Protein backbone atom coordinates (compact mmCIF):
# COMPACT_ATOMS: atom_id res chain seq x y z
CA MET A 1 29.32 19.72 26.63
CA ASN A 2 26.74 17.16 24.71
CA ALA A 3 23.10 17.64 26.33
CA PRO A 4 21.76 14.36 27.72
CA ALA A 5 20.49 11.69 25.96
CA ALA A 6 16.31 11.69 26.25
CA LYS A 7 15.50 9.07 27.71
CA ALA A 8 13.41 6.38 26.00
CA HIS A 9 9.87 5.91 26.35
CA PRO A 10 8.88 2.07 27.04
CA GLY A 11 5.99 1.12 25.67
CA GLU A 12 3.96 1.63 22.38
CA ARG A 13 1.88 4.19 21.65
CA ILE A 14 -1.44 4.10 23.29
CA ALA A 15 -3.46 4.87 19.83
CA LYS A 16 -1.15 1.65 17.95
CA VAL A 17 -1.49 -0.84 20.50
CA ILE A 18 -5.45 -0.59 20.02
CA ALA A 19 -4.64 -0.62 16.31
CA ARG A 20 -3.75 -3.90 16.69
CA ALA A 21 -6.07 -5.45 18.82
CA GLY A 22 -8.81 -5.25 16.23
CA VAL A 23 -10.78 -2.52 17.38
CA CYS A 24 -10.33 -0.04 14.54
CA SER A 25 -7.75 2.00 12.58
CA ARG A 26 -5.23 3.59 14.48
CA ARG A 27 -7.02 6.87 13.15
CA ASP A 28 -10.78 5.54 14.28
CA ALA A 29 -8.45 5.28 17.91
CA GLU A 30 -7.32 8.01 17.80
CA ARG A 31 -10.71 9.68 17.66
CA LEU A 32 -12.07 6.90 20.37
CA ILE A 33 -9.58 8.87 22.68
CA GLU A 34 -10.49 12.22 21.95
CA ASP A 35 -14.36 11.36 22.17
CA GLY A 36 -13.67 9.88 26.32
CA ARG A 37 -14.12 6.07 25.47
CA VAL A 38 -10.17 5.22 26.32
CA ALA A 39 -9.67 4.50 29.50
CA VAL A 40 -5.94 3.40 31.17
CA ASP A 41 -6.15 1.81 34.66
CA GLY A 42 -9.24 3.31 35.07
CA LYS A 43 -8.42 6.21 34.34
CA THR A 44 -10.45 8.07 31.10
CA ILE A 45 -7.82 9.46 28.90
CA ARG A 46 -8.26 12.59 25.80
CA SER A 47 -5.13 12.51 24.27
CA ALA A 48 -3.60 9.80 22.28
CA ALA A 49 0.63 11.11 23.39
CA LEU A 50 0.55 7.82 25.68
CA ASN A 51 2.95 5.16 25.60
CA VAL A 52 1.39 1.62 27.36
CA THR A 53 3.04 -0.91 28.32
CA GLU A 54 1.77 -4.45 28.98
CA ALA A 55 1.59 -3.84 32.76
CA ASN A 56 -1.22 -0.82 32.09
CA THR A 57 -5.10 -2.57 31.75
CA ILE A 58 -6.89 -1.10 28.67
CA THR A 59 -10.36 -0.44 28.31
CA VAL A 60 -12.17 0.91 24.95
CA ASP A 61 -16.27 1.58 26.31
CA GLY A 62 -15.44 -0.23 29.45
CA GLU A 63 -14.32 -3.59 28.18
CA ALA A 64 -10.92 -4.46 28.74
CA LEU A 65 -8.92 -4.87 25.35
CA ALA A 66 -8.59 -8.22 24.26
CA THR A 67 -4.77 -9.83 23.71
CA PRO A 68 -3.72 -8.91 20.56
CA GLU A 69 -3.51 -12.28 18.47
CA ARG A 70 -1.82 -12.41 15.21
CA ALA A 71 -2.29 -10.17 12.08
CA ARG A 72 -4.21 -12.31 9.26
CA LEU A 73 -5.72 -11.07 6.16
CA TRP A 74 -8.29 -12.25 4.41
CA ARG A 75 -9.22 -12.38 0.53
CA PHE A 76 -13.11 -11.58 -0.10
CA HIS A 77 -14.95 -11.47 -3.24
CA LYS A 78 -17.58 -8.11 -2.46
CA PRO A 79 -20.37 -8.27 -4.97
CA ARG A 80 -22.83 -5.76 -6.26
CA GLY A 81 -25.08 -4.09 -4.90
CA VAL A 82 -23.02 -4.85 -1.24
CA ILE A 83 -22.01 -2.12 1.24
CA THR A 84 -18.28 -2.12 2.33
CA ALA A 85 -19.17 -1.55 6.32
CA ALA A 86 -20.21 -3.07 9.64
CA ARG A 87 -23.97 -1.09 9.53
CA ASP A 88 -26.07 0.84 6.54
CA PRO A 89 -28.50 3.40 8.27
CA GLN A 90 -30.35 3.02 5.02
CA GLY A 91 -31.21 -1.09 5.42
CA ARG A 92 -28.61 -2.36 2.42
CA THR A 93 -26.53 -5.41 2.59
CA THR A 94 -23.48 -5.19 4.03
CA ILE A 95 -20.01 -6.89 3.75
CA ALA A 96 -20.33 -7.85 7.34
CA ALA A 97 -23.34 -9.60 6.45
CA LEU A 98 -21.62 -12.22 4.30
CA MET A 99 -18.81 -12.58 6.65
CA PRO A 100 -18.70 -16.39 8.33
CA HIS A 101 -19.97 -16.61 11.75
CA ASP A 102 -16.21 -18.44 12.60
CA LEU A 103 -14.73 -15.28 11.05
CA PRO A 104 -13.50 -13.29 13.93
CA ARG A 105 -13.54 -9.32 14.24
CA VAL A 106 -12.27 -8.19 10.82
CA MET A 107 -11.61 -4.72 8.61
CA PRO A 108 -11.97 -4.16 5.36
CA ILE A 109 -8.26 -2.79 3.61
CA GLY A 110 -9.08 0.37 1.79
CA ARG A 111 -13.28 0.21 0.03
CA LEU A 112 -15.06 -0.92 -2.89
CA ASP A 113 -18.17 1.40 -3.92
CA TYR A 114 -21.58 -0.12 -3.52
CA ALA A 115 -21.49 -0.40 -6.98
CA SER A 116 -18.47 -1.91 -7.76
CA GLU A 117 -17.41 -5.65 -7.24
CA GLY A 118 -14.10 -7.51 -6.63
CA LEU A 119 -11.19 -7.66 -4.13
CA LEU A 120 -11.67 -6.77 -1.13
CA LEU A 121 -8.67 -7.39 1.04
CA LEU A 122 -10.03 -8.35 5.22
CA THR A 123 -7.74 -8.10 8.10
CA ASN A 124 -8.08 -8.03 11.95
CA ASP A 125 -5.06 -6.03 12.38
CA GLY A 126 -5.57 -1.89 12.68
CA GLU A 127 -2.09 -1.75 11.95
CA LEU A 128 -1.39 -3.58 9.06
CA LYS A 129 -4.59 -1.81 7.79
CA ARG A 130 -3.45 1.38 8.04
CA HIS A 131 -0.19 0.28 5.97
CA LEU A 132 -2.02 -1.36 2.90
CA GLU A 133 -3.75 1.99 2.83
CA LEU A 134 -1.02 4.32 2.85
CA PRO A 135 -0.42 5.13 -1.40
CA ALA A 136 3.54 5.24 -0.28
CA THR A 137 2.69 1.08 0.12
CA GLY A 138 2.99 1.46 -3.68
CA TRP A 139 1.02 -1.34 -4.02
CA ILE A 140 -0.82 -1.54 -7.69
CA ARG A 141 -4.79 -1.49 -7.75
CA ARG A 142 -5.71 -3.44 -11.09
CA TYR A 143 -9.26 -2.91 -12.05
CA ARG A 144 -11.18 -4.28 -14.52
CA ALA A 145 -14.10 -2.01 -16.22
CA ARG A 146 -16.52 -2.00 -18.87
CA VAL A 147 -17.85 1.32 -20.21
CA TYR A 148 -20.11 2.76 -22.79
CA GLY A 149 -18.36 5.50 -25.10
CA GLU A 150 -16.25 6.60 -27.39
CA ILE A 151 -12.84 5.38 -26.92
CA ASP A 152 -10.26 8.17 -27.19
CA PRO A 153 -7.15 6.14 -26.75
CA GLN A 154 -4.63 9.39 -26.72
CA ALA A 155 -6.58 10.87 -23.89
CA LEU A 156 -6.56 6.99 -21.84
CA LYS A 157 -2.43 7.33 -22.96
CA ALA A 158 -2.62 10.84 -20.95
CA LEU A 159 -3.18 9.31 -18.20
CA ALA A 160 -0.53 7.90 -17.26
CA LYS A 161 0.94 12.16 -16.42
CA GLY A 162 -1.94 12.38 -14.06
CA ILE A 163 -5.27 14.40 -14.63
CA ASN A 164 -6.89 17.12 -12.68
CA VAL A 165 -11.16 16.33 -12.80
CA GLU A 166 -13.22 19.30 -10.95
CA GLY A 167 -9.99 20.41 -8.37
CA VAL A 168 -8.73 17.06 -7.94
CA GLN A 169 -5.96 15.75 -8.51
CA TYR A 170 -5.70 12.24 -9.92
CA GLY A 171 -2.08 10.06 -10.27
CA PRO A 172 -0.57 8.17 -12.83
CA ILE A 173 -2.97 5.80 -14.21
CA GLU A 174 -2.25 2.91 -16.84
CA VAL A 175 -4.91 2.19 -18.77
CA GLU A 176 -5.47 -0.72 -21.93
CA VAL A 177 -8.21 -1.71 -24.02
CA GLU A 178 -8.92 -5.06 -23.43
CA HIS A 179 -11.57 -5.90 -25.81
CA ALA A 180 -13.73 -2.84 -27.88
CA GLY A 181 -17.52 -4.92 -28.25
CA ALA A 182 -19.44 -3.29 -30.28
CA ALA A 183 -22.63 -0.50 -30.14
CA ARG A 184 -19.23 1.36 -28.64
CA ASN A 185 -18.91 -0.42 -25.24
CA ALA A 186 -15.37 -2.35 -24.29
CA TRP A 187 -13.45 -3.44 -22.11
CA LEU A 188 -10.47 -1.37 -20.03
CA GLY A 189 -7.95 -2.57 -17.68
CA VAL A 190 -6.98 0.07 -15.25
CA SER A 191 -4.12 0.12 -13.06
CA LEU A 192 -3.64 2.75 -10.47
CA ARG A 193 -2.00 3.64 -7.01
CA GLU A 194 -3.93 5.96 -4.90
CA GLY A 195 -7.88 4.54 -5.16
CA LYS A 196 -9.51 7.75 -3.92
CA ASN A 197 -12.89 7.82 -3.20
CA ARG A 198 -14.46 6.68 -6.85
CA GLU A 199 -11.67 7.61 -8.84
CA VAL A 200 -12.00 4.92 -11.74
CA ARG A 201 -15.31 6.12 -12.21
CA LYS A 202 -14.95 9.96 -11.73
CA VAL A 203 -11.89 10.24 -14.28
CA LEU A 204 -13.32 8.04 -16.49
CA ALA A 205 -16.89 9.65 -16.30
CA HIS A 206 -14.81 13.39 -17.29
CA LEU A 207 -13.53 11.63 -20.64
CA GLY A 208 -17.06 10.13 -21.69
CA LEU A 209 -17.25 7.04 -20.40
CA GLN A 210 -19.80 5.58 -18.49
CA VAL A 211 -18.86 2.81 -16.40
CA ASN A 212 -21.21 0.00 -16.35
CA ARG A 213 -19.54 -2.29 -14.43
CA LEU A 214 -15.84 -2.44 -11.79
CA ILE A 215 -14.06 -5.27 -11.34
CA ARG A 216 -11.14 -5.29 -8.60
CA VAL A 217 -8.81 -8.19 -9.84
CA ALA A 218 -5.60 -7.51 -7.68
CA TYR A 219 -4.19 -5.65 -4.52
CA GLY A 220 -0.51 -5.54 -4.49
CA PRO A 221 0.47 -9.15 -4.73
CA PHE A 222 -3.15 -10.38 -3.89
CA GLN A 223 -5.83 -11.96 -7.00
CA LEU A 224 -9.34 -12.37 -7.13
CA GLY A 225 -8.13 -15.65 -8.94
CA ALA A 226 -11.02 -17.88 -8.97
CA LEU A 227 -12.61 -16.38 -5.88
CA LYS A 228 -16.20 -17.48 -6.18
CA GLU A 229 -18.91 -13.71 -5.81
CA GLY A 230 -18.80 -13.80 -2.11
CA GLY A 231 -16.16 -16.04 -0.90
CA VAL A 232 -14.22 -15.48 1.88
CA GLU A 233 -10.23 -17.27 1.98
CA GLU A 234 -7.43 -16.61 4.45
CA VAL A 235 -3.72 -15.99 3.42
CA GLY A 236 -1.62 -18.46 3.99
CA ALA A 237 0.78 -16.82 6.88
CA LYS A 238 3.68 -17.12 5.32
CA VAL A 239 2.59 -15.96 2.22
CA LEU A 240 1.91 -12.89 4.63
CA LYS A 241 5.06 -12.24 6.15
CA GLU A 242 6.39 -12.73 2.61
CA GLN A 243 4.17 -10.45 0.72
CA VAL A 244 3.79 -7.49 3.78
CA GLY A 245 6.17 -8.17 5.97
CA LYS A 246 8.95 -5.29 3.85
CA VAL A 247 5.86 -3.26 3.94
CA MET A 248 5.25 -3.28 8.02
CA GLN A 249 8.38 -2.70 8.59
CA LYS A 250 8.53 0.94 6.43
C-alpha cells in the first residue's frame, strides 16, 4: 500500500519573500530571522523554515514588508576609489552615495573592490541578485587588466585549467594579451566564471604580474559599453526578461 502523499505547503519561504521585496539577499534575510528581527502576524520568528502567503503580515525591524515591485536591473559604471557597499566605517565614498535620488533601494550583484572599476549590475530584487551571483549560472565576467611584469604566455595559457594559489583553488581563467607596451606594461583580456574575492589580482600576482588597473567590461550578456563613469542606466524590461528569464527558472 502506497504511503499518502504529503500535503503541499502553500506560499513561499519567508526568506525568499523578504529578498524579493528588495530588503536584502535571501541569505541575509535568513540572518535577520535568526537574529529575531522578523515577525509574522505579530510573532517574532527564529527559523526560516516557514512558508508565508499574501494573507500574512511580515515585518522587519517593526516595519511592514513593502509589496514587491517587478524585478528591475541597472548597469552602473563604478569608478575607482569607491566602495561597493551602502556605507563604510572608514568614511570612504560608497556606491550608495553615487546613486540618483529617484532610484529605488538597490543591491549590487557581485562586487568590485575599492581599486577596481567598470560594470556593476544593480537590482531591486534579492532573488534575482542571488541567481545572478551563483557560479552555476555560468555567466562569464570579462575584465581588462593593465599589468606590469614579465609576460609568460605559457603560464597565462595554463590558467585555462585552473590554478591553486596559497591553498585557494580557482577555476578556469581565459587570458589573452591585448597589447604589450614598452617598459614591461601590457593590457590583458581576462574572462572567468566565478569571480572570487580579488581573484584576478591574486592570480596574476602569483604569476609575477602587478595589476595597476582593472576594469570589468561585461557581466554575462550585459556590457559596460559607452556608459560614462558614475553613470546608471536601467536595462529594459524586455531585454531583462530575454536574458534573465531562463536563469531564474533554474
